[in-house]
């Protein structure tokens, strides 16, 4: 099993960050560009990966009481992951994204995985910043 993790501070309350991250209609705004999530009957989703041109049945479960979003493949156990939001004393948040690849078929490699996690966190922070600015104005 191979695991990757990245964290990033975000300038918003944890509830705002989690609401943005868990919004099914806006997942593609922060997920890696090559992943496309199609909601079938939540928590069941299909993830299309451009790199392999494959559709993978998956589960996506928001856990608002824990400010956690969990996902993974539905049938083969190829990968799992989560996004966890934690509050900071300053009123900001820290977001951690963790991926576990149980087989090599789904693992894009360390460099690609870490770059995708960093870019996803940047994109999520941008979405959160826009939401907070629009709510205040």
C-alpha atoms as a PDB file:
ATOM      1  CA  UNK A   1       0.000   0.000   0.000  1.00  0.00           C
ATOM      2  CA  UNK A   2       1.230   3.482  -0.907  1.00  0.00           C
ATOM      3  CA  UNK A   3       0.015   6.602   0.888  1.00  0.00           C
ATOM      4  CA  UNK A   4       0.286  10.308   0.125  1.00  0.00           C
ATOM      5  CA  UNK A   5      -0.802  13.302   2.187  1.00  0.00           C
ATOM      6  CA  UNK A   6      -0.734  17.076   1.961  1.00  0.00           C
ATOM      7  CA  UNK A   7      -2.139  19.863   4.158  1.00  0.00           C
ATOM      8  CA  UNK A   8      -2.846  23.531   3.622  1.00  0.00           C
ATOM      9  CA  UNK A   9      -4.173  26.402   5.713  1.00  0.00           C
ATOM     10  CA  UNK A  10      -7.270  28.174   4.391  1.00  0.00           C
ATOM     11  CA  UNK A  11      -8.559  31.640   5.324  1.00  0.00           C
ATOM     12  CA  UNK A  12     -12.077  30.630   6.368  1.00  0.00           C
ATOM     13  CA  UNK A  13     -14.012  28.929   9.115  1.00  0.00           C
ATOM     14  CA  UNK A  14     -13.913  25.121   8.979  1.00  0.00           C
ATOM     15  CA  UNK A  15     -17.655  24.907   8.285  1.00  0.00           C
ATOM     16  CA  UNK A  16     -17.285  27.088   5.183  1.00  0.00           C
ATOM     17  CA  UNK A  17     -14.323  25.071   3.919  1.00  0.00           C
ATOM     18  CA  UNK A  18     -16.072  21.742   4.468  1.00  0.00           C
ATOM     19  CA  UNK A  19     -19.290  22.938   2.815  1.00  0.00           C
ATOM     20  CA  UNK A  20     -17.320  23.988  -0.246  1.00  0.00           C
ATOM     21  CA  UNK A  21     -15.253  20.800  -0.417  1.00  0.00           C
ATOM     22  CA  UNK A  22     -18.268  18.497   0.023  1.00  0.00           C
ATOM     23  CA  UNK A  23     -20.496  20.268  -2.521  1.00  0.00           C
ATOM     24  CA  UNK A  24     -21.090  17.539  -5.136  1.00  0.00           C
ATOM     25  CA  UNK A  25     -21.926  20.092  -7.802  1.00  0.00           C
ATOM     26  CA  UNK A  26     -18.560  21.820  -7.396  1.00  0.00           C
ATOM     27  CA  UNK A  27     -16.155  18.913  -6.819  1.00  0.00           C
ATOM     28  CA  UNK A  28     -14.560  19.317 -10.221  1.00  0.00           C
ATOM     29  CA  UNK A  29     -13.630  22.860  -9.272  1.00  0.00           C
ATOM     30  CA  UNK A  30     -10.995  21.567  -6.872  1.00  0.00           C
ATOM     31  CA  UNK A  31     -10.335  17.934  -7.837  1.00  0.00           C
ATOM     32  CA  UNK A  32      -7.439  17.188 -10.202  1.00  0.00           C
ATOM     33  CA  UNK A  33      -8.314  18.258 -13.757  1.00  0.00           C
ATOM     34  CA  UNK A  34      -8.161  14.678 -15.026  1.00  0.00           C
ATOM     35  CA  UNK A  35     -10.828  13.382 -12.591  1.00  0.00           C
ATOM     36  CA  UNK A  36     -14.543  13.798 -13.223  1.00  0.00           C
ATOM     37  CA  UNK A  37     -17.128  12.674 -10.670  1.00  0.00           C
ATOM     38  CA  UNK A  38     -20.599  11.703 -11.817  1.00  0.00           C
ATOM     39  CA  UNK A  39     -23.108  11.288  -9.016  1.00  0.00           C
ATOM     40  CA  UNK A  40     -25.451   8.364  -9.553  1.00  0.00           C
ATOM     41  CA  UNK A  41     -27.183   7.741  -6.295  1.00  0.00           C
ATOM     42  CA  UNK A  42     -25.106   9.200  -3.489  1.00  0.00           C
ATOM     43  CA  UNK A  43     -22.983   7.910  -1.945  1.00  0.00           C
ATOM     44  CA  UNK A  44     -22.459   5.919  -5.180  1.00  0.00           C
ATOM     45  CA  UNK A  45     -20.514   7.854  -7.817  1.00  0.00           C
ATOM     46  CA  UNK A  46     -18.496   7.089 -10.931  1.00  0.00           C
ATOM     47  CA  UNK A  47     -15.055   8.604 -11.327  1.00  0.00           C
ATOM     48  CA  UNK A  48     -13.755   9.065 -14.871  1.00  0.00           C
ATOM     49  CA  UNK A  49      -9.988   9.362 -15.120  1.00  0.00           C
ATOM     50  CA  UNK A  50      -8.690  11.002 -18.285  1.00  0.00           C
ATOM     51  CA  UNK A  51      -5.211   9.458 -17.842  1.00  0.00           C
ATOM     52  CA  UNK A  52      -6.589   5.928 -18.253  1.00  0.00           C
ATOM     53  CA  UNK A  53      -9.891   6.824 -19.971  1.00  0.00           C
ATOM     54  CA  UNK A  54     -11.611   4.539 -17.477  1.00  0.00           C
ATOM     55  CA  UNK A  55     -14.719   4.863 -15.339  1.00  0.00           C
ATOM     56  CA  UNK A  56     -14.404   3.521 -11.819  1.00  0.00           C
ATOM     57  CA  UNK A  57     -17.371   2.865  -9.518  1.00  0.00           C
ATOM     58  CA  UNK A  58     -16.678   4.648  -6.237  1.00  0.00           C
ATOM     59  CA  UNK A  59     -18.258   5.844  -3.017  1.00  0.00           C
ATOM     60  CA  UNK A  60     -18.171   9.427  -1.762  1.00  0.00           C
ATOM     61  CA  UNK A  61     -19.351  10.042   1.782  1.00  0.00           C
ATOM     62  CA  UNK A  62     -19.498  13.442   3.414  1.00  0.00           C
ATOM     63  CA  UNK A  63     -19.370  13.278   7.210  1.00  0.00           C
ATOM     64  CA  UNK A  64     -20.364  16.829   8.250  1.00  0.00           C
ATOM     65  CA  UNK A  65     -20.267  16.051  11.976  1.00  0.00           C
ATOM     66  CA  UNK A  66     -16.562  15.161  11.568  1.00  0.00           C
ATOM     67  CA  UNK A  67     -15.875  17.721   8.798  1.00  0.00           C
ATOM     68  CA  UNK A  68     -14.557  14.852   6.742  1.00  0.00           C
ATOM     69  CA  UNK A  69     -15.146  13.732   3.163  1.00  0.00           C
ATOM     70  CA  UNK A  70     -14.281  10.073   2.476  1.00  0.00           C
ATOM     71  CA  UNK A  71     -14.027   8.229  -0.836  1.00  0.00           C
ATOM     72  CA  UNK A  72     -12.834   5.010  -2.367  1.00  0.00           C
ATOM     73  CA  UNK A  73     -13.388   2.465  -5.078  1.00  0.00           C
ATOM     74  CA  UNK A  74     -16.589   0.497  -4.717  1.00  0.00           C
ATOM     75  CA  UNK A  75     -15.678  -3.033  -5.727  1.00  0.00           C
ATOM     76  CA  UNK A  76     -11.954  -3.658  -6.021  1.00  0.00           C
ATOM     77  CA  UNK A  77     -10.576  -1.702  -3.059  1.00  0.00           C
ATOM     78  CA  UNK A  78      -7.997  -0.040  -5.339  1.00  0.00           C
ATOM     79  CA  UNK A  79      -7.823   3.259  -3.496  1.00  0.00           C
ATOM     80  CA  UNK A  80      -9.303   5.209  -0.620  1.00  0.00           C
ATOM     81  CA  UNK A  81      -8.914   8.749   0.562  1.00  0.00           C
ATOM     82  CA  UNK A  82     -10.234  11.500   2.731  1.00  0.00           C
ATOM     83  CA  UNK A  83     -10.295  15.236   3.125  1.00  0.00           C
ATOM     84  CA  UNK A  84     -10.293  16.437   6.735  1.00  0.00           C
ATOM     85  CA  UNK A  85     -10.974  20.024   7.822  1.00  0.00           C
ATOM     86  CA  UNK A  86      -9.764  21.265  11.203  1.00  0.00           C
ATOM     87  CA  UNK A  87     -10.235  24.665  12.789  1.00  0.00           C
ATOM     88  CA  UNK A  88      -7.275  26.839  13.746  1.00  0.00           C
ATOM     89  CA  UNK A  89      -7.257  29.325  16.635  1.00  0.00           C
ATOM     90  CA  UNK A  90      -7.203  32.266  14.239  1.00  0.00           C
ATOM     91  CA  UNK A  91     -10.608  31.400  12.721  1.00  0.00           C
ATOM     92  CA  UNK A  92      -8.898  29.865   9.715  1.00  0.00           C
ATOM     93  CA  UNK A  93      -8.783  26.178   8.845  1.00  0.00           C
ATOM     94  CA  UNK A  94      -6.320  23.482   7.944  1.00  0.00           C
ATOM     95  CA  UNK A  95      -7.299  20.996   5.254  1.00  0.00           C
ATOM     96  CA  UNK A  96      -5.577  17.630   4.943  1.00  0.00           C
ATOM     97  CA  UNK A  97      -6.037  15.365   1.946  1.00  0.00           C
ATOM     98  CA  UNK A  98      -4.887  11.763   2.276  1.00  0.00           C
ATOM     99  CA  UNK A  99      -4.764   9.081  -0.425  1.00  0.00           C
ATOM    100  CA  UNK A 100      -4.117   5.351   0.007  1.00  0.00           C
ATOM    101  CA  UNK A 101      -3.464   3.201  -3.046  1.00  0.00           C
ATOM    102  CA  UNK A 102      -3.912  -0.485  -2.388  1.00  0.00           C
ATOM    103  CA  UNK A 103      -2.723  -1.538  -5.843  1.00  0.00           C
ATOM    104  CA  UNK A 104      -0.371  -0.099  -8.440  1.00  0.00           C
ATOM    105  CA  UNK A 105      -3.098   0.246 -11.093  1.00  0.00           C
ATOM    106  CA  UNK A 106      -4.547   3.341  -9.435  1.00  0.00           C
ATOM    107  CA  UNK A 107      -1.283   4.813  -8.077  1.00  0.00           C
ATOM    108  CA  UNK A 108      -0.010   7.584 -10.386  1.00  0.00           C
ATOM    109  CA  UNK A 109       3.361   7.676  -8.599  1.00  0.00           C
ATOM    110  CA  UNK A 110       4.677   9.937  -5.851  1.00  0.00           C
ATOM    111  CA  UNK A 111       5.527  13.006  -7.937  1.00  0.00           C
ATOM    112  CA  UNK A 112       2.198  13.045  -9.793  1.00  0.00           C
ATOM    113  CA  UNK A 113       0.162  12.289  -6.661  1.00  0.00           C
ATOM    114  CA  UNK A 114       1.783  15.019  -4.558  1.00  0.00           C
ATOM    115  CA  UNK A 115       1.507  17.571  -7.372  1.00  0.00           C
ATOM    116  CA  UNK A 116      -2.182  16.695  -7.791  1.00  0.00           C
ATOM    117  CA  UNK A 117      -2.798  17.039  -4.042  1.00  0.00           C
ATOM    118  CA  UNK A 118      -1.025  20.404  -3.904  1.00  0.00           C
ATOM    119  CA  UNK A 119      -2.925  21.703  -6.939  1.00  0.00           C
ATOM    120  CA  UNK A 120      -6.249  20.434  -5.566  1.00  0.00           C
ATOM    121  CA  UNK A 121      -5.669  22.213  -2.264  1.00  0.00           C
ATOM    122  CA  UNK A 122      -4.748  25.419  -4.125  1.00  0.00           C
ATOM    123  CA  UNK A 123      -7.934  25.193  -6.185  1.00  0.00           C
ATOM    124  CA  UNK A 124     -10.048  24.505  -3.094  1.00  0.00           C
ATOM    125  CA  UNK A 125      -8.502  27.489  -1.327  1.00  0.00           C
ATOM    126  CA  UNK A 126      -9.350  29.666  -4.330  1.00  0.00           C
ATOM    127  CA  UNK A 127     -12.978  28.460  -4.271  1.00  0.00           C
ATOM    128  CA  UNK A 128     -13.211  29.085  -0.529  1.00  0.00           C
ATOM    129  CA  UNK A 129     -11.682  32.557  -0.857  1.00  0.00           C
ATOM    130  CA  UNK A 130     -14.175  33.491  -3.603  1.00  0.00           C
ATOM    131  CA  UNK A 131     -17.084  32.170  -1.543  1.00  0.00           C
ATOM    132  CA  UNK A 132     -16.025  34.121   1.547  1.00  0.00           C
ATOM    133  CA  UNK A 133     -15.431  37.316  -0.461  1.00  0.00           C
ATOM    134  CA  UNK A 134     -18.810  37.018  -2.197  1.00  0.00           C
ATOM    135  CA  UNK A 135     -20.604  36.345   1.090  1.00  0.00           C
ATOM    136  CA  UNK A 136     -19.037  39.449   2.631  1.00  0.00           C
ATOM    137  CA  UNK A 137     -19.762  41.762  -0.273  1.00  0.00           C
END
